[in-house]
N, C-alpha and C. Protein backbone atom coordinates (compact mmCIF):
# COMPACT_ATOMS: atom_id res chain seq x y z
N MET A 1 21.74 16.25 -5.24
CA MET A 1 22.80 17.01 -4.54
C MET A 1 23.71 17.71 -5.39
N ARG A 2 24.03 17.08 -6.64
CA ARG A 2 25.19 17.90 -7.12
C ARG A 2 24.60 18.89 -7.92
N ARG A 3 23.49 18.68 -8.60
CA ARG A 3 22.60 19.76 -9.18
C ARG A 3 22.66 21.02 -8.16
N ALA A 4 21.88 20.82 -7.15
CA ALA A 4 21.52 21.76 -5.93
C ALA A 4 23.19 22.63 -5.81
N THR A 5 24.13 21.91 -5.62
CA THR A 5 25.40 22.57 -5.62
C THR A 5 25.81 23.45 -6.52
N ARG A 6 25.61 22.88 -7.64
CA ARG A 6 26.07 23.68 -9.02
C ARG A 6 25.36 25.20 -9.16
N LEU A 7 24.03 25.00 -8.96
CA LEU A 7 22.90 25.78 -8.73
C LEU A 7 23.62 27.06 -7.48
N ALA A 8 23.97 26.60 -6.60
CA ALA A 8 24.45 27.52 -5.51
C ALA A 8 25.55 28.16 -6.04
N LEU A 9 26.46 27.27 -6.78
CA LEU A 9 27.90 27.93 -6.88
C LEU A 9 27.70 29.16 -8.40
N VAL A 10 26.74 28.67 -9.00
CA VAL A 10 26.47 29.90 -10.08
C VAL A 10 25.78 30.89 -9.56
N LEU A 11 24.98 30.77 -8.71
CA LEU A 11 24.19 32.22 -7.94
C LEU A 11 25.09 32.92 -7.12
N LEU A 12 25.97 32.13 -6.79
CA LEU A 12 27.04 33.26 -5.79
C LEU A 12 27.98 33.77 -6.83
N THR A 13 28.40 33.07 -7.67
CA THR A 13 29.36 33.75 -8.81
C THR A 13 28.63 34.86 -9.36
N LEU A 14 27.50 34.82 -9.86
CA LEU A 14 26.59 36.02 -10.15
C LEU A 14 26.40 37.23 -9.21
N LEU A 15 26.38 36.91 -8.01
CA LEU A 15 26.29 37.74 -6.89
C LEU A 15 27.49 38.66 -6.52
N VAL A 16 28.67 37.90 -6.69
CA VAL A 16 30.07 38.13 -6.15
C VAL A 16 30.75 38.79 -7.59
N LEU A 17 30.53 38.65 -8.81
CA LEU A 17 31.42 38.99 -10.04
C LEU A 17 30.51 40.31 -10.47
N PRO A 18 31.22 41.22 -10.82
CA PRO A 18 30.44 42.59 -11.44
C PRO A 18 29.74 42.00 -12.79
N SER A 19 28.87 43.02 -13.22
CA SER A 19 28.18 42.73 -14.23
C SER A 19 29.10 42.84 -15.43
N PRO A 20 29.08 42.52 -16.71
CA PRO A 20 30.14 42.92 -17.80
C PRO A 20 29.96 44.36 -17.71
N ALA A 21 28.88 45.04 -17.82
CA ALA A 21 28.62 46.36 -18.26
C ALA A 21 29.71 46.97 -16.99
N ALA A 22 29.47 46.74 -15.68
CA ALA A 22 30.26 47.42 -14.57
C ALA A 22 31.74 47.16 -14.85
N ALA A 23 31.98 45.97 -15.42
CA ALA A 23 33.43 45.53 -15.39
C ALA A 23 34.06 46.40 -16.42
N ALA A 24 33.39 46.84 -17.60
CA ALA A 24 33.76 47.39 -18.73
C ALA A 24 33.92 48.82 -18.47
N GLY A 25 33.53 49.53 -17.15
CA GLY A 25 33.43 50.83 -16.85
C GLY A 25 32.17 51.68 -17.23
N ALA A 26 31.11 50.60 -17.64
CA ALA A 26 30.17 51.35 -18.32
C ALA A 26 29.10 52.00 -16.98
N THR A 27 28.25 53.12 -17.41
CA THR A 27 27.11 53.75 -16.38
C THR A 27 26.07 53.44 -17.22
N ALA A 28 25.22 53.32 -16.35
CA ALA A 28 23.94 53.03 -16.75
C ALA A 28 22.64 53.84 -15.88
N ASP A 29 21.58 54.34 -16.74
CA ASP A 29 20.76 54.80 -15.99
C ASP A 29 19.23 54.41 -16.26
N VAL A 30 18.55 54.12 -15.50
CA VAL A 30 17.21 53.56 -15.46
C VAL A 30 16.21 54.21 -15.05
N ALA A 31 15.00 54.38 -16.15
CA ALA A 31 13.89 54.96 -15.66
C ALA A 31 12.59 54.08 -15.89
N ASN A 32 11.96 53.79 -14.79
CA ASN A 32 10.90 52.81 -14.90
C ASN A 32 9.73 53.43 -14.28
N THR A 33 8.69 53.97 -15.44
CA THR A 33 7.32 54.85 -15.06
C THR A 33 6.27 54.08 -15.49
N SER A 34 5.40 54.68 -15.20
CA SER A 34 3.79 54.31 -15.82
C SER A 34 3.22 55.71 -16.10
N ILE A 35 2.68 55.54 -17.19
CA ILE A 35 1.97 56.88 -17.71
C ILE A 35 0.44 56.64 -18.09
N ALA A 36 -0.58 57.41 -17.78
CA ALA A 36 -1.81 57.28 -18.06
C ALA A 36 -2.12 57.06 -19.73
N LEU A 37 -2.92 56.11 -20.03
CA LEU A 37 -3.21 56.08 -21.49
C LEU A 37 -4.60 56.09 -21.81
N ASP A 38 -5.10 57.21 -22.44
CA ASP A 38 -6.40 57.21 -23.00
C ASP A 38 -6.56 57.37 -24.49
N ARG A 39 -7.18 56.53 -25.36
CA ARG A 39 -6.89 56.54 -26.75
C ARG A 39 -7.99 55.61 -27.26
N SER A 40 -8.50 56.14 -28.34
CA SER A 40 -9.64 55.54 -29.30
C SER A 40 -8.84 54.67 -30.31
N VAL A 41 -9.20 53.31 -30.45
CA VAL A 41 -8.58 52.81 -31.76
C VAL A 41 -9.97 51.99 -32.33
N PHE A 42 -9.97 51.97 -33.70
CA PHE A 42 -10.68 51.54 -34.36
C PHE A 42 -10.27 49.84 -34.59
N VAL A 43 -11.26 49.05 -34.41
CA VAL A 43 -11.06 47.71 -34.42
C VAL A 43 -11.85 47.08 -35.63
N PRO A 44 -11.39 47.07 -36.77
CA PRO A 44 -12.22 46.68 -37.95
C PRO A 44 -13.00 45.34 -38.12
N CYS A 45 -12.19 44.45 -37.31
CA CYS A 45 -12.86 43.19 -37.22
C CYS A 45 -13.96 43.02 -36.28
N ALA A 46 -14.28 43.84 -35.49
CA ALA A 46 -15.45 43.75 -34.37
C ALA A 46 -16.65 43.34 -35.14
N ARG A 47 -17.50 43.10 -34.23
CA ARG A 47 -19.08 43.09 -34.77
C ARG A 47 -19.17 42.34 -36.22
N GLY A 48 -18.50 41.15 -36.29
CA GLY A 48 -18.53 40.51 -37.73
C GLY A 48 -18.12 41.08 -38.72
N GLY A 49 -16.99 42.08 -38.63
CA GLY A 49 -16.62 42.91 -39.79
C GLY A 49 -17.12 44.29 -39.93
N GLU A 50 -18.13 44.49 -39.16
CA GLU A 50 -18.66 45.67 -39.34
C GLU A 50 -17.69 46.96 -38.78
N GLY A 51 -16.92 46.33 -37.55
CA GLY A 51 -16.06 47.25 -36.94
C GLY A 51 -16.84 48.16 -36.02
N GLU A 52 -15.90 48.68 -34.86
CA GLU A 52 -16.10 49.74 -33.83
C GLU A 52 -15.05 50.16 -33.39
N THR A 53 -15.35 51.42 -32.93
CA THR A 53 -14.12 52.38 -32.23
C THR A 53 -14.39 51.96 -30.73
N VAL A 54 -13.08 51.68 -30.09
CA VAL A 54 -12.92 51.44 -28.72
C VAL A 54 -12.00 52.31 -27.98
N ALA A 55 -12.93 52.85 -27.12
CA ALA A 55 -12.03 53.87 -26.12
C ALA A 55 -11.59 52.99 -24.94
N LEU A 56 -10.05 52.98 -25.16
CA LEU A 56 -9.11 52.68 -24.23
C LEU A 56 -8.73 53.46 -23.21
N SER A 57 -8.49 52.82 -22.03
CA SER A 57 -7.98 53.48 -20.66
C SER A 57 -7.20 52.56 -19.81
N GLY A 58 -6.19 52.98 -19.35
CA GLY A 58 -5.35 52.16 -18.36
C GLY A 58 -3.97 52.78 -18.26
N SER A 59 -3.19 52.09 -17.96
CA SER A 59 -1.51 52.65 -17.90
C SER A 59 -0.77 52.08 -18.87
N LEU A 60 0.24 52.94 -19.20
CA LEU A 60 1.34 52.44 -20.52
C LEU A 60 2.59 52.36 -19.35
N HIS A 61 3.34 51.10 -19.10
CA HIS A 61 4.34 50.73 -18.16
C HIS A 61 5.63 51.13 -19.47
N THR A 62 6.43 52.16 -18.82
CA THR A 62 7.59 52.35 -19.86
C THR A 62 8.94 52.29 -18.88
N LEU A 63 9.99 51.44 -19.52
CA LEU A 63 11.29 51.19 -19.09
C LEU A 63 12.40 51.84 -20.03
N PHE A 64 13.07 52.57 -19.50
CA PHE A 64 14.21 53.10 -20.48
C PHE A 64 15.48 52.79 -19.59
N VAL A 65 16.45 52.12 -20.39
CA VAL A 65 17.70 52.08 -19.83
C VAL A 65 18.70 52.42 -20.72
N THR A 66 19.49 53.42 -20.23
CA THR A 66 20.51 54.04 -20.90
C THR A 66 22.03 53.67 -20.72
N THR A 67 22.87 53.07 -21.27
CA THR A 67 24.15 52.76 -20.78
C THR A 67 25.32 53.51 -21.71
N GLU A 68 26.09 53.99 -21.01
CA GLU A 68 27.15 54.57 -21.55
C GLU A 68 28.58 53.88 -21.67
N LEU A 69 28.98 53.46 -22.70
CA LEU A 69 30.02 52.76 -23.13
C LEU A 69 31.34 53.22 -23.95
N GLY A 70 32.08 54.04 -23.32
CA GLY A 70 33.08 54.86 -23.89
C GLY A 70 32.57 55.65 -24.82
N ASP A 71 32.72 55.40 -26.20
CA ASP A 71 32.45 56.32 -27.29
C ASP A 71 30.65 55.86 -27.95
N ARG A 72 30.35 54.86 -27.25
CA ARG A 72 28.69 54.60 -27.56
C ARG A 72 27.76 54.48 -26.55
N THR A 73 26.66 54.69 -26.91
CA THR A 73 25.48 54.85 -26.10
C THR A 73 24.62 53.76 -26.38
N LEU A 74 24.17 53.02 -25.67
CA LEU A 74 23.23 52.10 -25.72
C LEU A 74 21.67 52.46 -25.14
N VAL A 75 20.56 52.35 -25.88
CA VAL A 75 19.25 52.80 -25.14
C VAL A 75 18.51 51.69 -25.66
N HIS A 76 17.61 51.10 -24.45
CA HIS A 76 16.82 50.19 -24.29
C HIS A 76 15.56 50.66 -24.06
N GLU A 77 14.44 50.59 -24.67
CA GLU A 77 13.16 50.84 -24.25
C GLU A 77 12.03 50.00 -24.66
N THR A 78 11.27 49.89 -23.30
CA THR A 78 10.19 48.70 -23.35
C THR A 78 8.90 49.59 -23.22
N PHE A 79 7.84 49.46 -23.70
CA PHE A 79 6.59 49.93 -23.54
C PHE A 79 5.78 49.06 -23.42
N ASN A 80 4.81 48.73 -22.54
CA ASN A 80 3.59 47.79 -22.31
C ASN A 80 2.39 48.28 -21.67
N PRO A 81 1.39 48.02 -22.23
CA PRO A 81 0.03 48.32 -21.64
C PRO A 81 -0.22 47.53 -20.26
N MET A 82 -0.74 48.09 -19.33
CA MET A 82 -1.19 47.64 -18.01
C MET A 82 -2.41 47.96 -17.50
N ASN A 83 -3.16 46.97 -17.51
CA ASN A 83 -4.56 46.96 -17.07
C ASN A 83 -5.54 47.94 -17.84
N VAL A 84 -5.04 47.79 -19.40
CA VAL A 84 -5.85 48.81 -20.34
C VAL A 84 -6.91 47.91 -20.75
N THR A 85 -8.19 48.61 -20.65
CA THR A 85 -9.52 47.92 -21.03
C THR A 85 -10.34 49.20 -21.81
N GLY A 86 -11.24 48.63 -22.44
CA GLY A 86 -12.17 49.48 -23.22
C GLY A 86 -13.37 49.03 -23.62
N ILE A 87 -14.10 49.97 -24.02
CA ILE A 87 -15.57 49.41 -24.28
C ILE A 87 -15.73 50.21 -25.84
N GLY A 88 -16.41 49.60 -26.80
CA GLY A 88 -16.54 49.73 -28.02
C GLY A 88 -17.98 50.84 -28.09
N ASP A 89 -17.93 51.49 -29.32
CA ASP A 89 -19.17 52.07 -29.50
C ASP A 89 -20.39 51.22 -29.88
N GLY A 90 -19.98 49.94 -29.88
CA GLY A 90 -21.28 49.15 -30.33
C GLY A 90 -21.47 48.24 -28.99
N GLY A 91 -20.77 48.39 -27.72
CA GLY A 91 -20.94 47.88 -26.64
C GLY A 91 -20.05 46.65 -26.14
N GLY A 92 -19.09 46.35 -27.14
CA GLY A 92 -18.14 45.30 -27.07
C GLY A 92 -17.21 45.59 -26.07
N THR A 93 -16.56 44.64 -25.10
CA THR A 93 -15.39 44.94 -23.95
C THR A 93 -14.22 44.49 -24.73
N TYR A 94 -13.02 44.95 -24.40
CA TYR A 94 -11.79 44.83 -24.86
C TYR A 94 -10.84 45.20 -23.90
N ARG A 95 -9.71 44.37 -24.01
CA ARG A 95 -8.44 44.76 -23.43
C ARG A 95 -7.28 44.82 -24.32
N ALA A 96 -6.39 45.58 -24.00
CA ALA A 96 -5.29 46.08 -24.90
C ALA A 96 -4.03 45.13 -24.00
N THR A 97 -3.30 44.69 -24.93
CA THR A 97 -1.97 43.85 -24.51
C THR A 97 -0.68 44.10 -25.69
N GLY A 98 0.44 43.35 -25.47
CA GLY A 98 1.40 43.70 -26.45
C GLY A 98 2.69 44.49 -25.55
N SER A 99 3.64 44.77 -26.42
CA SER A 99 4.95 45.37 -26.17
C SER A 99 5.53 46.31 -27.34
N THR A 100 6.19 47.04 -26.91
CA THR A 100 7.08 47.71 -27.90
C THR A 100 8.38 47.74 -27.42
N VAL A 101 9.50 47.42 -28.20
CA VAL A 101 10.83 47.20 -27.82
C VAL A 101 11.43 47.91 -28.87
N SER A 102 12.34 48.94 -28.32
CA SER A 102 13.30 49.69 -29.13
C SER A 102 15.00 49.67 -28.47
N THR A 103 15.72 49.13 -29.47
CA THR A 103 17.08 49.10 -29.01
C THR A 103 18.02 50.19 -29.70
N SER A 104 18.76 51.20 -29.37
CA SER A 104 19.46 51.85 -30.31
C SER A 104 20.94 52.15 -29.94
N THR A 105 21.92 52.06 -30.68
CA THR A 105 23.37 52.31 -30.44
C THR A 105 23.74 53.52 -31.20
N SER A 106 24.34 54.39 -30.24
CA SER A 106 24.83 55.83 -30.69
C SER A 106 26.26 55.86 -30.88
N THR A 107 26.77 56.17 -31.98
CA THR A 107 28.43 56.80 -31.98
C THR A 107 28.38 57.82 -32.65
N ALA A 108 29.69 58.32 -32.78
CA ALA A 108 29.85 59.85 -33.48
C ALA A 108 29.60 59.72 -34.89
N ALA A 109 29.42 58.72 -35.54
CA ALA A 109 29.30 58.43 -36.83
C ALA A 109 27.75 58.21 -37.19
N ALA A 110 27.19 57.56 -36.37
CA ALA A 110 25.53 57.15 -36.59
C ALA A 110 24.89 56.60 -35.37
N GLU A 111 23.47 56.74 -35.75
CA GLU A 111 22.85 56.17 -34.78
C GLU A 111 21.76 54.86 -35.39
N ARG A 112 21.86 53.96 -34.74
CA ARG A 112 21.34 52.70 -35.33
C ARG A 112 20.18 52.25 -34.33
N ALA A 113 18.92 51.97 -34.70
CA ALA A 113 17.73 51.49 -33.82
C ALA A 113 16.90 50.56 -34.34
N THR A 114 16.32 49.69 -33.70
CA THR A 114 15.45 48.61 -34.16
C THR A 114 14.31 48.70 -33.24
N MET A 115 13.22 48.88 -33.73
CA MET A 115 12.04 49.05 -33.07
C MET A 115 11.04 47.82 -33.49
N THR A 116 10.53 46.74 -32.43
CA THR A 116 9.52 45.70 -32.88
C THR A 116 8.50 46.11 -32.01
N ASN A 117 6.97 46.12 -33.02
CA ASN A 117 5.91 46.65 -31.95
C ASN A 117 4.87 45.54 -32.28
N THR A 118 4.46 44.97 -31.06
CA THR A 118 3.11 44.20 -31.50
C THR A 118 2.11 44.75 -30.29
N PHE A 119 1.11 45.04 -30.75
CA PHE A 119 -0.07 45.64 -30.21
C PHE A 119 -1.29 44.85 -30.57
N MET A 120 -2.04 44.25 -29.45
CA MET A 120 -3.45 43.75 -29.70
C MET A 120 -4.54 44.45 -28.91
N VAL A 121 -5.67 44.42 -29.52
CA VAL A 121 -6.86 45.08 -28.99
C VAL A 121 -7.72 43.64 -28.89
N VAL A 122 -7.92 43.14 -27.75
CA VAL A 122 -8.73 41.74 -27.86
C VAL A 122 -10.34 41.91 -27.42
N GLY A 123 -11.10 41.48 -28.13
CA GLY A 123 -12.58 41.60 -27.40
C GLY A 123 -12.90 40.07 -27.32
N ARG A 124 -14.17 39.77 -27.20
CA ARG A 124 -14.62 38.39 -26.97
C ARG A 124 -15.25 38.00 -27.90
N GLY A 125 -15.05 36.36 -28.18
CA GLY A 125 -15.64 35.76 -29.33
C GLY A 125 -14.86 35.90 -30.46
N PRO A 126 -14.77 34.95 -31.53
CA PRO A 126 -13.90 34.63 -32.61
C PRO A 126 -14.01 36.16 -33.63
N GLY A 127 -12.83 36.11 -34.09
CA GLY A 127 -12.69 37.24 -35.01
C GLY A 127 -12.84 38.61 -34.29
N SER A 128 -12.98 38.84 -33.06
CA SER A 128 -12.70 40.30 -32.23
C SER A 128 -11.71 40.74 -31.87
N ALA A 129 -10.32 40.27 -32.48
CA ALA A 129 -8.98 40.74 -31.78
C ALA A 129 -8.35 41.45 -33.09
N LEU A 130 -7.80 42.39 -32.52
CA LEU A 130 -7.09 43.04 -33.63
C LEU A 130 -5.45 43.16 -33.23
N MET A 131 -4.52 42.56 -34.24
CA MET A 131 -3.34 42.54 -33.74
C MET A 131 -2.39 43.18 -34.73
N ILE A 132 -1.78 44.18 -34.37
CA ILE A 132 -0.62 44.85 -35.22
C ILE A 132 0.74 44.91 -34.82
N HIS A 133 1.30 44.44 -35.98
CA HIS A 133 3.05 44.02 -35.59
C HIS A 133 3.67 44.59 -36.55
N THR A 134 4.81 45.38 -36.18
CA THR A 134 5.66 46.21 -37.00
C THR A 134 7.25 45.96 -36.54
N VAL A 135 8.08 46.02 -37.57
CA VAL A 135 9.56 45.98 -37.12
C VAL A 135 10.22 46.87 -38.18
N LEU A 136 10.83 47.74 -37.47
CA LEU A 136 11.56 48.72 -38.22
C LEU A 136 13.09 49.09 -38.03
N HIS A 137 13.67 49.31 -38.80
CA HIS A 137 15.34 49.31 -38.45
C HIS A 137 15.38 51.06 -39.05
N VAL A 138 16.18 51.72 -38.30
CA VAL A 138 16.66 53.11 -38.46
C VAL A 138 17.95 53.45 -38.56
N VAL A 139 18.69 54.27 -39.53
CA VAL A 139 19.87 54.51 -39.22
C VAL A 139 19.88 55.90 -39.64
N LEU A 140 20.36 56.66 -38.53
CA LEU A 140 20.73 58.41 -38.64
C LEU A 140 21.97 58.61 -38.72
N LEU A 141 22.46 59.07 -39.85
CA LEU A 141 23.98 59.47 -40.14
C LEU A 141 24.50 60.74 -39.39
N ALA A 142 25.54 60.87 -39.15
CA ALA A 142 26.00 62.11 -38.57
C ALA A 142 25.67 63.38 -39.82
N GLY A 143 25.77 63.07 -40.90
CA GLY A 143 25.85 64.11 -41.80
C GLY A 143 24.25 64.64 -42.17
N GLY A 144 23.41 63.77 -41.60
CA GLY A 144 21.91 64.35 -41.76
C GLY A 144 21.18 63.22 -42.68
N GLY A 145 21.83 62.16 -42.88
CA GLY A 145 21.05 61.19 -43.82
C GLY A 145 20.24 60.25 -42.98
N VAL A 146 19.14 59.87 -43.61
CA VAL A 146 18.41 58.83 -42.76
C VAL A 146 17.96 57.83 -43.82
N ASP A 147 18.25 56.40 -42.95
CA ASP A 147 17.72 55.21 -43.76
C ASP A 147 16.68 54.31 -42.82
N VAL A 148 15.46 54.32 -43.52
CA VAL A 148 14.60 53.69 -42.82
C VAL A 148 14.34 52.27 -43.49
N THR A 149 14.31 51.01 -42.77
CA THR A 149 14.08 49.77 -43.43
C THR A 149 12.90 49.27 -42.44
N VAL A 150 11.74 48.88 -43.56
CA VAL A 150 10.63 48.40 -42.81
C VAL A 150 10.46 46.81 -43.16
N ASP A 151 10.85 46.34 -42.11
CA ASP A 151 10.90 44.71 -42.50
C ASP A 151 9.64 43.95 -42.18
N ARG A 152 8.70 44.45 -41.58
CA ARG A 152 7.49 43.83 -41.26
C ARG A 152 6.53 44.80 -41.01
N VAL A 153 5.20 44.69 -41.61
CA VAL A 153 4.08 45.49 -41.00
C VAL A 153 2.74 44.40 -41.38
N SER A 154 2.04 44.11 -40.44
CA SER A 154 0.81 43.22 -40.30
C SER A 154 -0.27 43.52 -39.57
N ILE A 155 -1.41 43.64 -40.11
CA ILE A 155 -2.51 43.99 -39.36
C ILE A 155 -3.69 43.19 -39.37
N GLU A 156 -3.81 42.32 -38.38
CA GLU A 156 -4.75 40.98 -38.67
C GLU A 156 -5.73 40.99 -37.66
N CYS A 157 -7.14 40.41 -38.09
CA CYS A 157 -8.01 40.06 -37.10
C CYS A 157 -8.19 38.70 -36.76
N ARG A 158 -8.09 38.49 -35.65
CA ARG A 158 -8.14 37.04 -35.07
C ARG A 158 -9.48 36.68 -34.54
C-alpha cells in the first residue's frame, strides 16, 4: 500500500508541477514526421562474403525538438527507420533498423553537436547483417572555425 501511495504522489507531482524547461521560461518547438525512404545499400557480408546490393524502402521517422533557453538554443534530433525492408540483388530479404540521435547547443560563441548513428541492415542467417556505428562531435565557432572529432567508426558483419 505504501508503494502505491508513493507512486501516486510522484505521478501527481509530475502532473501538477511545470517542467524544468517551462519553469525556466523556455520555449520548445516539436516536429514529429515520417518521410519516405528509398535507397540502396551494399551489404558486403551477404551471401557468404560475396555481398549484395539491397534496395530498401519504407519510412524514416524524424523527431526534432528545439528549445530556446535565453541565450542558448538546444536542438535534439532523432531519426529511425520504420517498416524498412528490402530485397537484395541476389534474392536475400532484409530489414533496416537503428537510430541516429543528434544533440546540439548553440550560443553566440559556438555551436556544439554530438551525433550518434547506429544503422543495421539485417538479413537471414549468420553473417548476413551489416552494422554501421559512428559517434561524431562537431564545434562550429562564430569566427568560422570548425572542429570535428570522430570518436568511433565501426562497420561490422554479424
